[in-house]
Amino acid sequence: MSSFKGIFGFNNIELKDLLISSLAIALVVVWPRGFPSFSVGFLLQYVAALFTVGTAFILHELAHRTVARHFGAWSEFRAWYEGLGIALFLKVILGFTFIAPGAVYVHKDYLTTKENGLISIAGPLTNIALAVLFLVLPIPAIYYSGYYIDIAGFGYYVNVFLAFFNMLPIYPFDGSKVMRWNFLIWAAIFIPLVALYFFV
């Protein structure tokens, strides 16, 4: 089993990739079609997106990484810079939101189906926990010159979406690996997420 440092430690490449990916996906989320006016309102929206989307993304990926290291696997996050470039291009030119910032890479000579399922489920469960926190914590909204930014509401929605999307039973999403390990556990998480995402 990995040591404490081995489970939670970072290297410079990983820190750089996490930071750049977070900054880029927050920009994709708030960027309007075309070019925005770089006003205080836009900057506030960007900071709010960085706090909500960035937190959801980073903690999701680190949850995968931590559980994988717990099982003795080599595991690190790597950004997909081509995907980030495509995402920015599509948003600026077409107004289309596409986010593929990178992934946690896991290597071990042999991972059991259960280990792979637990590694996969860690990310969505983290987003569910964050959604609950955004729902119950008294996080104030931001008002500025006609801008209204509901940080708590947006944080809740982003985390429910990420949990739902990643639990889809389609390879290579997390849901396919969880379902392969234990169908009942997958269903117990995915079905409520469907209700939360589409009906709440």
N, C-alpha and C. Protein backbone atom coordinates (compact mmCIF):
# COMPACT_ATOMS: atom_id res chain seq x y z
N MET A 1 0.85 -1.20 0.00
CA MET A 1 0.00 0.00 0.00
C MET A 1 0.88 1.25 0.00
N SER A 2 0.45 2.28 -0.72
CA SER A 2 1.23 3.50 -0.81
C SER A 2 1.32 4.20 0.54
N SER A 3 2.38 4.95 0.74
CA SER A 3 2.52 5.74 1.95
C SER A 3 1.61 6.95 1.87
N PHE A 4 1.51 7.68 3.03
CA PHE A 4 0.68 8.89 3.06
C PHE A 4 1.13 9.87 2.00
N LYS A 5 2.46 10.07 1.91
CA LYS A 5 3.00 10.98 0.91
C LYS A 5 2.69 10.48 -0.50
N GLY A 6 2.80 9.17 -0.68
CA GLY A 6 2.53 8.61 -1.99
C GLY A 6 1.09 8.76 -2.41
N ILE A 7 0.16 8.71 -1.47
CA ILE A 7 -1.25 8.82 -1.81
C ILE A 7 -1.62 10.27 -2.14
N PHE A 8 -1.11 11.21 -1.37
CA PHE A 8 -1.56 12.60 -1.51
C PHE A 8 -0.52 13.52 -2.14
N GLY A 9 0.65 13.03 -2.45
CA GLY A 9 1.69 13.90 -2.97
C GLY A 9 1.45 14.33 -4.41
N PHE A 10 2.05 15.47 -4.78
CA PHE A 10 1.96 16.01 -6.14
C PHE A 10 3.37 16.20 -6.68
N ASN A 11 3.46 16.23 -8.01
CA ASN A 11 4.70 16.70 -8.62
C ASN A 11 4.38 17.95 -9.44
N ASN A 12 5.42 18.62 -9.92
CA ASN A 12 5.23 19.90 -10.59
C ASN A 12 4.41 19.79 -11.87
N ILE A 13 4.60 18.69 -12.60
CA ILE A 13 3.84 18.51 -13.85
C ILE A 13 2.35 18.40 -13.55
N GLU A 14 2.03 17.61 -12.53
CA GLU A 14 0.62 17.40 -12.18
C GLU A 14 -0.03 18.69 -11.68
N LEU A 15 0.67 19.43 -10.84
CA LEU A 15 0.14 20.71 -10.34
C LEU A 15 -0.10 21.68 -11.49
N LYS A 16 0.85 21.75 -12.43
CA LYS A 16 0.71 22.64 -13.59
C LYS A 16 -0.50 22.22 -14.43
N ASP A 17 -0.65 20.92 -14.69
CA ASP A 17 -1.76 20.44 -15.52
C ASP A 17 -3.11 20.68 -14.86
N LEU A 18 -3.19 20.48 -13.55
CA LEU A 18 -4.45 20.74 -12.83
C LEU A 18 -4.80 22.22 -12.87
N LEU A 19 -3.81 23.09 -12.67
CA LEU A 19 -4.06 24.52 -12.66
C LEU A 19 -4.50 25.01 -14.04
N ILE A 20 -3.78 24.63 -15.08
CA ILE A 20 -4.12 25.08 -16.43
C ILE A 20 -5.48 24.56 -16.85
N SER A 21 -5.78 23.29 -16.55
CA SER A 21 -7.07 22.71 -16.90
C SER A 21 -8.21 23.44 -16.20
N SER A 22 -8.03 23.75 -14.92
CA SER A 22 -9.07 24.44 -14.16
C SER A 22 -9.32 25.84 -14.71
N LEU A 23 -8.24 26.58 -14.99
CA LEU A 23 -8.38 27.93 -15.54
C LEU A 23 -9.08 27.89 -16.90
N ALA A 24 -8.73 26.88 -17.71
CA ALA A 24 -9.30 26.80 -19.06
C ALA A 24 -10.77 26.42 -19.04
N ILE A 25 -11.15 25.44 -18.22
CA ILE A 25 -12.56 25.03 -18.24
C ILE A 25 -13.46 26.10 -17.64
N ALA A 26 -12.96 26.85 -16.67
CA ALA A 26 -13.75 27.96 -16.13
C ALA A 26 -13.97 29.02 -17.21
N LEU A 27 -12.95 29.26 -18.03
CA LEU A 27 -13.06 30.23 -19.12
C LEU A 27 -14.07 29.75 -20.16
N VAL A 28 -14.03 28.46 -20.49
CA VAL A 28 -14.99 27.90 -21.45
C VAL A 28 -16.42 28.06 -20.95
N VAL A 29 -16.62 27.85 -19.66
CA VAL A 29 -17.97 27.91 -19.09
C VAL A 29 -18.55 29.32 -19.19
N VAL A 30 -17.76 30.34 -18.92
CA VAL A 30 -18.31 31.71 -18.86
C VAL A 30 -18.20 32.47 -20.18
N TRP A 31 -17.40 31.97 -21.12
CA TRP A 31 -17.16 32.73 -22.35
C TRP A 31 -18.43 32.74 -23.21
N PRO A 32 -18.90 33.92 -23.60
CA PRO A 32 -20.06 33.98 -24.50
C PRO A 32 -19.62 33.73 -25.94
N ARG A 33 -20.58 33.59 -26.83
CA ARG A 33 -20.21 33.43 -28.25
C ARG A 33 -19.56 34.72 -28.74
N GLY A 34 -18.45 34.59 -29.42
CA GLY A 34 -17.72 35.77 -29.85
C GLY A 34 -16.73 36.19 -28.78
N PHE A 35 -16.62 37.49 -28.58
CA PHE A 35 -15.66 38.00 -27.62
C PHE A 35 -16.37 38.86 -26.58
N PRO A 36 -16.11 38.60 -25.30
CA PRO A 36 -16.79 39.36 -24.25
C PRO A 36 -16.13 40.71 -24.02
N SER A 37 -16.85 41.57 -23.35
CA SER A 37 -16.21 42.78 -22.83
C SER A 37 -15.61 42.40 -21.47
N PHE A 38 -14.35 42.63 -21.32
CA PHE A 38 -13.67 42.19 -20.09
C PHE A 38 -13.95 43.17 -18.96
N SER A 39 -15.19 43.12 -18.51
CA SER A 39 -15.66 44.01 -17.45
C SER A 39 -15.48 43.34 -16.09
N VAL A 40 -15.78 44.11 -15.05
CA VAL A 40 -15.75 43.56 -13.69
C VAL A 40 -16.77 42.43 -13.57
N GLY A 41 -17.93 42.60 -14.21
CA GLY A 41 -18.95 41.56 -14.17
C GLY A 41 -18.47 40.26 -14.76
N PHE A 42 -17.77 40.34 -15.92
CA PHE A 42 -17.22 39.13 -16.55
C PHE A 42 -16.18 38.48 -15.65
N LEU A 43 -15.33 39.28 -15.03
CA LEU A 43 -14.31 38.74 -14.14
C LEU A 43 -14.93 38.06 -12.92
N LEU A 44 -16.02 38.64 -12.40
CA LEU A 44 -16.72 38.02 -11.28
C LEU A 44 -17.32 36.67 -11.69
N GLN A 45 -17.89 36.63 -12.90
CA GLN A 45 -18.41 35.36 -13.40
C GLN A 45 -17.30 34.32 -13.53
N TYR A 46 -16.14 34.77 -13.99
CA TYR A 46 -15.01 33.85 -14.15
C TYR A 46 -14.54 33.31 -12.81
N VAL A 47 -14.43 34.17 -11.83
CA VAL A 47 -14.01 33.73 -10.49
C VAL A 47 -15.03 32.75 -9.91
N ALA A 48 -16.32 33.04 -10.10
CA ALA A 48 -17.37 32.13 -9.60
C ALA A 48 -17.27 30.78 -10.29
N ALA A 49 -17.03 30.79 -11.61
CA ALA A 49 -16.90 29.53 -12.35
C ALA A 49 -15.66 28.76 -11.91
N LEU A 50 -14.58 29.50 -11.65
CA LEU A 50 -13.35 28.85 -11.20
C LEU A 50 -13.57 28.18 -9.84
N PHE A 51 -14.32 28.84 -8.98
CA PHE A 51 -14.59 28.30 -7.65
C PHE A 51 -15.50 27.07 -7.71
N THR A 52 -16.50 27.11 -8.57
CA THR A 52 -17.48 26.02 -8.64
C THR A 52 -17.03 24.90 -9.58
N VAL A 53 -16.81 25.24 -10.85
CA VAL A 53 -16.40 24.23 -11.83
C VAL A 53 -15.00 23.71 -11.53
N GLY A 54 -14.10 24.62 -11.19
CA GLY A 54 -12.73 24.21 -10.89
C GLY A 54 -12.66 23.26 -9.71
N THR A 55 -13.40 23.58 -8.65
CA THR A 55 -13.44 22.71 -7.48
C THR A 55 -14.03 21.35 -7.82
N ALA A 56 -15.14 21.37 -8.57
CA ALA A 56 -15.79 20.11 -8.95
C ALA A 56 -14.86 19.23 -9.76
N PHE A 57 -14.15 19.84 -10.71
CA PHE A 57 -13.26 19.10 -11.59
C PHE A 57 -12.04 18.56 -10.85
N ILE A 58 -11.37 19.43 -10.09
CA ILE A 58 -10.14 19.02 -9.41
C ILE A 58 -10.41 17.92 -8.39
N LEU A 59 -11.43 18.11 -7.55
CA LEU A 59 -11.68 17.12 -6.51
C LEU A 59 -12.19 15.80 -7.09
N HIS A 60 -12.93 15.86 -8.19
CA HIS A 60 -13.35 14.63 -8.88
C HIS A 60 -12.13 13.82 -9.31
N GLU A 61 -11.19 14.51 -9.97
CA GLU A 61 -10.01 13.80 -10.47
C GLU A 61 -9.11 13.32 -9.34
N LEU A 62 -8.96 14.13 -8.30
CA LEU A 62 -8.10 13.73 -7.18
C LEU A 62 -8.70 12.56 -6.40
N ALA A 63 -10.04 12.46 -6.40
CA ALA A 63 -10.67 11.31 -5.74
C ALA A 63 -10.30 10.02 -6.48
N HIS A 64 -10.36 10.04 -7.81
CA HIS A 64 -9.93 8.87 -8.59
C HIS A 64 -8.47 8.53 -8.25
N ARG A 65 -7.63 9.54 -8.26
CA ARG A 65 -6.20 9.34 -8.07
C ARG A 65 -5.89 8.77 -6.69
N THR A 66 -6.56 9.30 -5.66
CA THR A 66 -6.29 8.88 -4.29
C THR A 66 -6.67 7.42 -4.07
N VAL A 67 -7.84 7.03 -4.58
CA VAL A 67 -8.28 5.64 -4.41
C VAL A 67 -7.37 4.70 -5.19
N ALA A 68 -6.98 5.11 -6.40
CA ALA A 68 -6.08 4.27 -7.19
C ALA A 68 -4.75 4.06 -6.46
N ARG A 69 -4.22 5.13 -5.88
CA ARG A 69 -2.96 4.99 -5.13
C ARG A 69 -3.15 4.14 -3.88
N HIS A 70 -4.33 4.22 -3.29
CA HIS A 70 -4.61 3.37 -2.13
C HIS A 70 -4.47 1.89 -2.49
N PHE A 71 -4.84 1.55 -3.73
CA PHE A 71 -4.74 0.16 -4.18
C PHE A 71 -3.36 -0.16 -4.77
N GLY A 72 -2.41 0.75 -4.59
CA GLY A 72 -1.05 0.47 -5.02
C GLY A 72 -0.76 0.76 -6.47
N ALA A 73 -1.64 1.48 -7.13
CA ALA A 73 -1.43 1.80 -8.55
C ALA A 73 -0.68 3.12 -8.69
N TRP A 74 0.09 3.25 -9.78
CA TRP A 74 0.63 4.55 -10.15
C TRP A 74 -0.52 5.35 -10.74
N SER A 75 -0.68 6.57 -10.29
CA SER A 75 -1.82 7.37 -10.74
C SER A 75 -1.49 8.85 -10.69
N GLU A 76 -1.65 9.52 -11.83
CA GLU A 76 -1.43 10.96 -11.91
C GLU A 76 -2.37 11.58 -12.93
N PHE A 77 -2.69 12.87 -12.69
CA PHE A 77 -3.51 13.61 -13.65
C PHE A 77 -2.63 14.19 -14.74
N ARG A 78 -3.14 14.12 -15.98
CA ARG A 78 -2.48 14.76 -17.10
C ARG A 78 -3.52 15.54 -17.90
N ALA A 79 -3.18 16.78 -18.20
CA ALA A 79 -4.07 17.60 -19.02
C ALA A 79 -4.04 17.12 -20.47
N TRP A 80 -5.14 17.34 -21.17
CA TRP A 80 -5.20 17.08 -22.61
C TRP A 80 -5.24 18.44 -23.28
N TYR A 81 -4.08 18.96 -23.65
CA TYR A 81 -3.99 20.33 -24.15
C TYR A 81 -4.69 20.50 -25.50
N GLU A 82 -4.67 19.46 -26.31
CA GLU A 82 -5.39 19.54 -27.58
C GLU A 82 -6.89 19.69 -27.33
N GLY A 83 -7.40 18.92 -26.34
CA GLY A 83 -8.82 19.00 -26.00
C GLY A 83 -9.20 20.36 -25.45
N LEU A 84 -8.32 20.95 -24.63
CA LEU A 84 -8.58 22.28 -24.10
C LEU A 84 -8.59 23.32 -25.21
N GLY A 85 -7.67 23.17 -26.17
CA GLY A 85 -7.65 24.08 -27.31
C GLY A 85 -8.90 23.97 -28.16
N ILE A 86 -9.34 22.75 -28.40
CA ILE A 86 -10.58 22.53 -29.16
C ILE A 86 -11.77 23.13 -28.43
N ALA A 87 -11.80 22.95 -27.10
CA ALA A 87 -12.91 23.47 -26.31
C ALA A 87 -12.99 24.99 -26.40
N LEU A 88 -11.85 25.67 -26.29
CA LEU A 88 -11.83 27.12 -26.39
C LEU A 88 -12.22 27.58 -27.79
N PHE A 89 -11.73 26.90 -28.80
CA PHE A 89 -12.07 27.25 -30.19
C PHE A 89 -13.57 27.12 -30.45
N LEU A 90 -14.15 25.99 -30.02
CA LEU A 90 -15.59 25.77 -30.24
C LEU A 90 -16.43 26.80 -29.51
N LYS A 91 -16.01 27.19 -28.29
CA LYS A 91 -16.80 28.14 -27.53
C LYS A 91 -16.71 29.54 -28.13
N VAL A 92 -15.51 29.94 -28.51
CA VAL A 92 -15.33 31.29 -29.07
C VAL A 92 -16.00 31.42 -30.43
N ILE A 93 -15.84 30.43 -31.29
CA ILE A 93 -16.34 30.53 -32.67
C ILE A 93 -17.81 30.14 -32.79
N LEU A 94 -18.20 29.05 -32.13
CA LEU A 94 -19.55 28.51 -32.31
C LEU A 94 -20.46 28.69 -31.10
N GLY A 95 -19.90 29.08 -29.96
CA GLY A 95 -20.71 29.19 -28.75
C GLY A 95 -21.09 27.84 -28.17
N PHE A 96 -20.34 26.80 -28.56
CA PHE A 96 -20.65 25.43 -28.12
C PHE A 96 -19.73 25.04 -26.98
N THR A 97 -20.32 24.52 -25.89
CA THR A 97 -19.52 24.12 -24.73
C THR A 97 -19.13 22.65 -24.83
N PHE A 98 -17.84 22.42 -24.94
CA PHE A 98 -17.26 21.08 -24.97
C PHE A 98 -16.07 21.09 -24.03
N ILE A 99 -16.08 20.20 -23.04
CA ILE A 99 -15.01 20.20 -22.05
C ILE A 99 -14.37 18.82 -21.98
N ALA A 100 -13.10 18.77 -22.33
CA ALA A 100 -12.33 17.52 -22.20
C ALA A 100 -10.95 17.90 -21.70
N PRO A 101 -10.84 18.22 -20.42
CA PRO A 101 -9.60 18.81 -19.91
C PRO A 101 -8.44 17.84 -19.70
N GLY A 102 -8.73 16.58 -19.56
CA GLY A 102 -7.69 15.61 -19.26
C GLY A 102 -8.26 14.51 -18.38
N ALA A 103 -7.39 13.71 -17.83
CA ALA A 103 -7.86 12.57 -17.04
C ALA A 103 -6.76 12.10 -16.10
N VAL A 104 -7.19 11.31 -15.13
CA VAL A 104 -6.25 10.62 -14.24
C VAL A 104 -5.86 9.30 -14.91
N TYR A 105 -4.58 9.11 -15.08
CA TYR A 105 -4.07 7.88 -15.67
C TYR A 105 -3.66 6.92 -14.55
N VAL A 106 -4.09 5.69 -14.69
CA VAL A 106 -3.87 4.67 -13.66
C VAL A 106 -3.12 3.50 -14.27
N HIS A 107 -2.08 3.06 -13.60
CA HIS A 107 -1.36 1.87 -14.07
C HIS A 107 -1.03 0.96 -12.91
N LYS A 108 -1.39 -0.29 -13.09
CA LYS A 108 -1.04 -1.35 -12.14
C LYS A 108 -1.04 -2.64 -12.94
N ASP A 109 -0.16 -3.55 -12.59
CA ASP A 109 -0.07 -4.80 -13.33
C ASP A 109 -1.41 -5.51 -13.39
N TYR A 110 -2.17 -5.45 -12.28
CA TYR A 110 -3.49 -6.07 -12.30
C TYR A 110 -4.41 -5.34 -11.34
N LEU A 111 -5.52 -4.83 -11.87
CA LEU A 111 -6.57 -4.24 -11.06
C LEU A 111 -7.78 -5.16 -11.09
N THR A 112 -8.31 -5.51 -9.94
CA THR A 112 -9.52 -6.31 -9.92
C THR A 112 -10.70 -5.47 -10.38
N THR A 113 -11.79 -6.14 -10.74
CA THR A 113 -13.00 -5.43 -11.14
C THR A 113 -13.51 -4.55 -10.01
N LYS A 114 -13.41 -5.04 -8.78
CA LYS A 114 -13.86 -4.25 -7.64
C LYS A 114 -12.98 -3.02 -7.45
N GLU A 115 -11.67 -3.18 -7.53
CA GLU A 115 -10.77 -2.04 -7.39
C GLU A 115 -11.05 -1.00 -8.46
N ASN A 116 -11.22 -1.44 -9.70
CA ASN A 116 -11.52 -0.52 -10.79
C ASN A 116 -12.85 0.18 -10.57
N GLY A 117 -13.83 -0.56 -10.04
CA GLY A 117 -15.13 0.03 -9.75
C GLY A 117 -15.05 1.07 -8.65
N LEU A 118 -14.27 0.79 -7.61
CA LEU A 118 -14.13 1.73 -6.50
C LEU A 118 -13.36 2.98 -6.92
N ILE A 119 -12.33 2.80 -7.75
CA ILE A 119 -11.60 3.95 -8.28
C ILE A 119 -12.54 4.83 -9.11
N SER A 120 -13.38 4.20 -9.92
CA SER A 120 -14.28 4.93 -10.81
C SER A 120 -15.39 5.65 -10.05
N ILE A 121 -15.90 5.02 -9.02
CA ILE A 121 -17.04 5.61 -8.30
C ILE A 121 -16.61 6.78 -7.41
N ALA A 122 -15.31 6.85 -7.09
CA ALA A 122 -14.84 7.89 -6.17
C ALA A 122 -15.09 9.29 -6.70
N GLY A 123 -14.91 9.51 -8.01
CA GLY A 123 -15.12 10.83 -8.58
C GLY A 123 -16.56 11.30 -8.50
N PRO A 124 -17.52 10.52 -9.02
CA PRO A 124 -18.93 10.92 -8.91
C PRO A 124 -19.41 11.09 -7.47
N LEU A 125 -18.96 10.22 -6.56
CA LEU A 125 -19.37 10.37 -5.15
C LEU A 125 -18.85 11.68 -4.57
N THR A 126 -17.66 12.08 -4.99
CA THR A 126 -17.12 13.36 -4.54
C THR A 126 -17.98 14.51 -5.04
N ASN A 127 -18.43 14.44 -6.30
CA ASN A 127 -19.30 15.49 -6.83
C ASN A 127 -20.65 15.52 -6.11
N ILE A 128 -21.16 14.36 -5.74
CA ILE A 128 -22.42 14.32 -4.99
C ILE A 128 -22.24 15.00 -3.63
N ALA A 129 -21.12 14.71 -2.96
CA ALA A 129 -20.85 15.34 -1.67
C ALA A 129 -20.71 16.85 -1.82
N LEU A 130 -20.05 17.30 -2.88
CA LEU A 130 -19.91 18.73 -3.12
C LEU A 130 -21.25 19.38 -3.42
N ALA A 131 -22.11 18.69 -4.18
CA ALA A 131 -23.45 19.22 -4.47
C ALA A 131 -24.23 19.45 -3.18
N VAL A 132 -24.13 18.49 -2.25
CA VAL A 132 -24.82 18.65 -0.96
C VAL A 132 -24.26 19.84 -0.21
N LEU A 133 -22.93 20.01 -0.22
CA LEU A 133 -22.32 21.13 0.48
C LEU A 133 -22.77 22.46 -0.11
N PHE A 134 -22.80 22.57 -1.43
CA PHE A 134 -23.26 23.80 -2.06
C PHE A 134 -24.73 24.07 -1.74
N LEU A 135 -25.48 22.99 -1.53
CA LEU A 135 -26.91 23.14 -1.25
C LEU A 135 -27.15 23.62 0.18
N VAL A 136 -26.35 23.16 1.13
CA VAL A 136 -26.64 23.45 2.54
C VAL A 136 -25.80 24.58 3.13
N LEU A 137 -24.64 24.87 2.56
CA LEU A 137 -23.81 25.93 3.12
C LEU A 137 -24.35 27.31 2.73
N PRO A 138 -24.28 28.26 3.64
CA PRO A 138 -24.80 29.61 3.36
C PRO A 138 -23.82 30.42 2.51
N ILE A 139 -23.75 30.10 1.22
CA ILE A 139 -22.85 30.80 0.31
C ILE A 139 -23.61 31.96 -0.34
N PRO A 140 -23.16 33.18 -0.14
CA PRO A 140 -23.91 34.32 -0.67
C PRO A 140 -23.80 34.44 -2.19
N ALA A 141 -24.85 34.95 -2.80
CA ALA A 141 -24.82 35.26 -4.23
C ALA A 141 -24.04 36.56 -4.44
N ILE A 142 -23.59 36.79 -5.67
CA ILE A 142 -22.87 38.01 -6.01
C ILE A 142 -23.78 38.92 -6.83
N TYR A 143 -23.90 40.17 -6.39
CA TYR A 143 -24.64 41.18 -7.14
C TYR A 143 -23.66 42.26 -7.58
N TYR A 144 -23.66 42.57 -8.87
CA TYR A 144 -22.81 43.67 -9.32
C TYR A 144 -23.36 44.24 -10.62
N SER A 145 -23.79 45.47 -10.57
CA SER A 145 -24.17 46.23 -11.77
C SER A 145 -25.02 45.41 -12.74
N GLY A 146 -26.08 44.82 -12.22
CA GLY A 146 -26.97 44.03 -13.08
C GLY A 146 -26.62 42.56 -13.15
N TYR A 147 -25.45 42.17 -12.63
CA TYR A 147 -25.06 40.76 -12.63
C TYR A 147 -25.55 40.10 -11.35
N TYR A 148 -26.13 38.92 -11.52
CA TYR A 148 -26.53 38.12 -10.36
C TYR A 148 -25.91 36.74 -10.55
N ILE A 149 -25.03 36.36 -9.64
CA ILE A 149 -24.34 35.08 -9.75
C ILE A 149 -24.66 34.25 -8.52
N ASP A 150 -25.45 33.22 -8.72
CA ASP A 150 -25.84 32.33 -7.63
C ASP A 150 -24.79 31.23 -7.51
N ILE A 151 -23.78 31.49 -6.70
CA ILE A 151 -22.66 30.54 -6.59
C ILE A 151 -23.13 29.19 -6.06
N ALA A 152 -23.96 29.21 -5.03
CA ALA A 152 -24.42 27.95 -4.44
C ALA A 152 -25.24 27.15 -5.44
N GLY A 153 -26.15 27.82 -6.13
CA GLY A 153 -27.00 27.12 -7.10
C GLY A 153 -26.19 26.57 -8.26
N PHE A 154 -25.23 27.36 -8.75
CA PHE A 154 -24.42 26.91 -9.87
C PHE A 154 -23.50 25.78 -9.44
N GLY A 155 -22.93 25.89 -8.23
CA GLY A 155 -22.07 24.82 -7.73
C GLY A 155 -22.83 23.52 -7.58
N TYR A 156 -24.06 23.61 -7.09
CA TYR A 156 -24.90 22.42 -6.96
C TYR A 156 -25.17 21.80 -8.33
N TYR A 157 -25.57 22.63 -9.29
CA TYR A 157 -25.91 22.12 -10.63
C TYR A 157 -24.69 21.49 -11.30
N VAL A 158 -23.55 22.14 -11.24
CA VAL A 158 -22.35 21.64 -11.90
C VAL A 158 -21.96 20.27 -11.34
N ASN A 159 -22.02 20.11 -10.03
CA ASN A 159 -21.62 18.84 -9.44
C ASN A 159 -22.63 17.73 -9.71
N VAL A 160 -23.92 18.06 -9.71
CA VAL A 160 -24.92 17.04 -10.08
C VAL A 160 -24.71 16.62 -11.53
N PHE A 161 -24.46 17.60 -12.41
CA PHE A 161 -24.23 17.27 -13.82
C PHE A 161 -23.01 16.37 -14.00
N LEU A 162 -21.89 16.72 -13.34
CA LEU A 162 -20.69 15.92 -13.48
C LEU A 162 -20.89 14.50 -12.96
N ALA A 163 -21.58 14.38 -11.83
CA ALA A 163 -21.84 13.05 -11.28
C ALA A 163 -22.72 12.25 -12.24
N PHE A 164 -23.80 12.87 -12.73
CA PHE A 164 -24.70 12.20 -13.66
C PHE A 164 -23.98 11.80 -14.94
N PHE A 165 -23.26 12.73 -15.54
CA PHE A 165 -22.59 12.48 -16.82
C PHE A 165 -21.57 11.36 -16.69
N ASN A 166 -20.78 11.39 -15.61
CA ASN A 166 -19.74 10.38 -15.44
C ASN A 166 -20.28 9.01 -15.05
N MET A 167 -21.51 8.97 -14.52
CA MET A 167 -22.10 7.68 -14.16
C MET A 167 -22.90 7.05 -15.30
N LEU A 168 -22.90 7.69 -16.47
CA LEU A 168 -23.55 7.05 -17.62
C LEU A 168 -22.88 5.70 -17.90
N PRO A 169 -23.68 4.67 -18.17
CA PRO A 169 -23.11 3.33 -18.35
C PRO A 169 -22.53 3.11 -19.75
N ILE A 170 -21.68 4.03 -20.17
CA ILE A 170 -21.08 4.00 -21.50
C ILE A 170 -19.56 4.06 -21.35
N TYR A 171 -18.86 3.15 -21.94
CA TYR A 171 -17.40 3.16 -21.87
C TYR A 171 -16.86 4.36 -22.64
N PRO A 172 -15.86 5.08 -22.12
CA PRO A 172 -15.04 4.81 -20.94
C PRO A 172 -15.49 5.58 -19.69
N PHE A 173 -16.74 6.01 -19.63
CA PHE A 173 -17.20 6.76 -18.45
C PHE A 173 -17.14 5.89 -17.20
N ASP A 174 -17.11 6.57 -16.05
CA ASP A 174 -17.01 5.87 -14.78
C ASP A 174 -18.15 4.87 -14.58
N GLY A 175 -19.34 5.24 -15.03
CA GLY A 175 -20.51 4.39 -14.81
C GLY A 175 -20.37 3.00 -15.38
N SER A 176 -19.70 2.89 -16.53
CA SER A 176 -19.54 1.56 -17.15
C SER A 176 -18.70 0.65 -16.27
N LYS A 177 -17.69 1.23 -15.60
CA LYS A 177 -16.81 0.41 -14.76
C LYS A 177 -17.48 0.07 -13.43
N VAL A 178 -18.26 1.03 -12.92
CA VAL A 178 -19.01 0.75 -11.69
C VAL A 178 -20.06 -0.32 -11.94
N MET A 179 -20.77 -0.22 -13.06
CA MET A 179 -21.82 -1.19 -13.37
C MET A 179 -21.23 -2.59 -13.59
N ARG A 180 -20.06 -2.64 -14.19
CA ARG A 180 -19.40 -3.94 -14.39
C ARG A 180 -19.06 -4.58 -13.06
N TRP A 181 -18.66 -3.74 -12.08
CA TRP A 181 -18.32 -4.25 -10.76
C TRP A 181 -19.57 -4.63 -9.97
N ASN A 182 -20.57 -3.72 -9.90
CA ASN A 182 -21.76 -3.99 -9.10
C ASN A 182 -22.93 -3.19 -9.66
N PHE A 183 -23.82 -3.87 -10.33
CA PHE A 183 -24.96 -3.21 -10.99
C PHE A 183 -25.86 -2.51 -9.98
N LEU A 184 -26.10 -3.13 -8.83
CA LEU A 184 -27.01 -2.54 -7.85
C LEU A 184 -26.47 -1.23 -7.29
N ILE A 185 -25.16 -1.19 -7.03
CA ILE A 185 -24.56 0.05 -6.54
C ILE A 185 -24.64 1.13 -7.61
N TRP A 186 -24.35 0.75 -8.86
CA TRP A 186 -24.46 1.73 -9.96
C TRP A 186 -25.89 2.28 -10.04
N ALA A 187 -26.89 1.40 -10.02
CA ALA A 187 -28.28 1.83 -10.14
C ALA A 187 -28.71 2.70 -8.95
N ALA A 188 -28.23 2.35 -7.75
CA ALA A 188 -28.61 3.11 -6.55
C ALA A 188 -28.08 4.54 -6.60
N ILE A 189 -27.02 4.76 -7.34
CA ILE A 189 -26.47 6.11 -7.48
C ILE A 189 -27.02 6.80 -8.73
N PHE A 190 -27.08 6.08 -9.82
CA PHE A 190 -27.44 6.71 -11.10
C PHE A 190 -28.90 7.12 -11.17
N ILE A 191 -29.82 6.27 -10.70
CA ILE A 191 -31.25 6.58 -10.82
C ILE A 191 -31.61 7.86 -10.06
N PRO A 192 -31.18 8.04 -8.80
CA PRO A 192 -31.45 9.34 -8.14
C PRO A 192 -30.82 10.52 -8.87
N LEU A 193 -29.63 10.32 -9.48
CA LEU A 193 -29.00 11.41 -10.21
C LEU A 193 -29.82 11.82 -11.42
N VAL A 194 -30.44 10.85 -12.09
CA VAL A 194 -31.33 11.17 -13.21
C VAL A 194 -32.46 12.08 -12.75
N ALA A 195 -33.05 11.72 -11.60
CA ALA A 195 -34.16 12.51 -11.06
C ALA A 195 -33.68 13.91 -10.68
N LEU A 196 -32.51 14.00 -10.03
CA LEU A 196 -31.99 15.29 -9.62
C LEU A 196 -31.64 16.18 -10.82
N TYR A 197 -31.07 15.57 -11.85
CA TYR A 197 -30.61 16.35 -13.00
C TYR A 197 -31.77 16.83 -13.86
N PHE A 198 -32.75 15.98 -14.07
CA PHE A 198 -33.82 16.32 -15.02
C PHE A 198 -35.06 16.92 -14.37
N PHE A 199 -35.28 16.65 -13.08
CA PHE A 199 -36.56 17.04 -12.48
C PHE A 199 -36.46 17.98 -11.27
N VAL A 200 -35.25 18.27 -10.82
CA VAL A 200 -35.10 19.15 -9.66
C VAL A 200 -34.54 20.49 -10.09
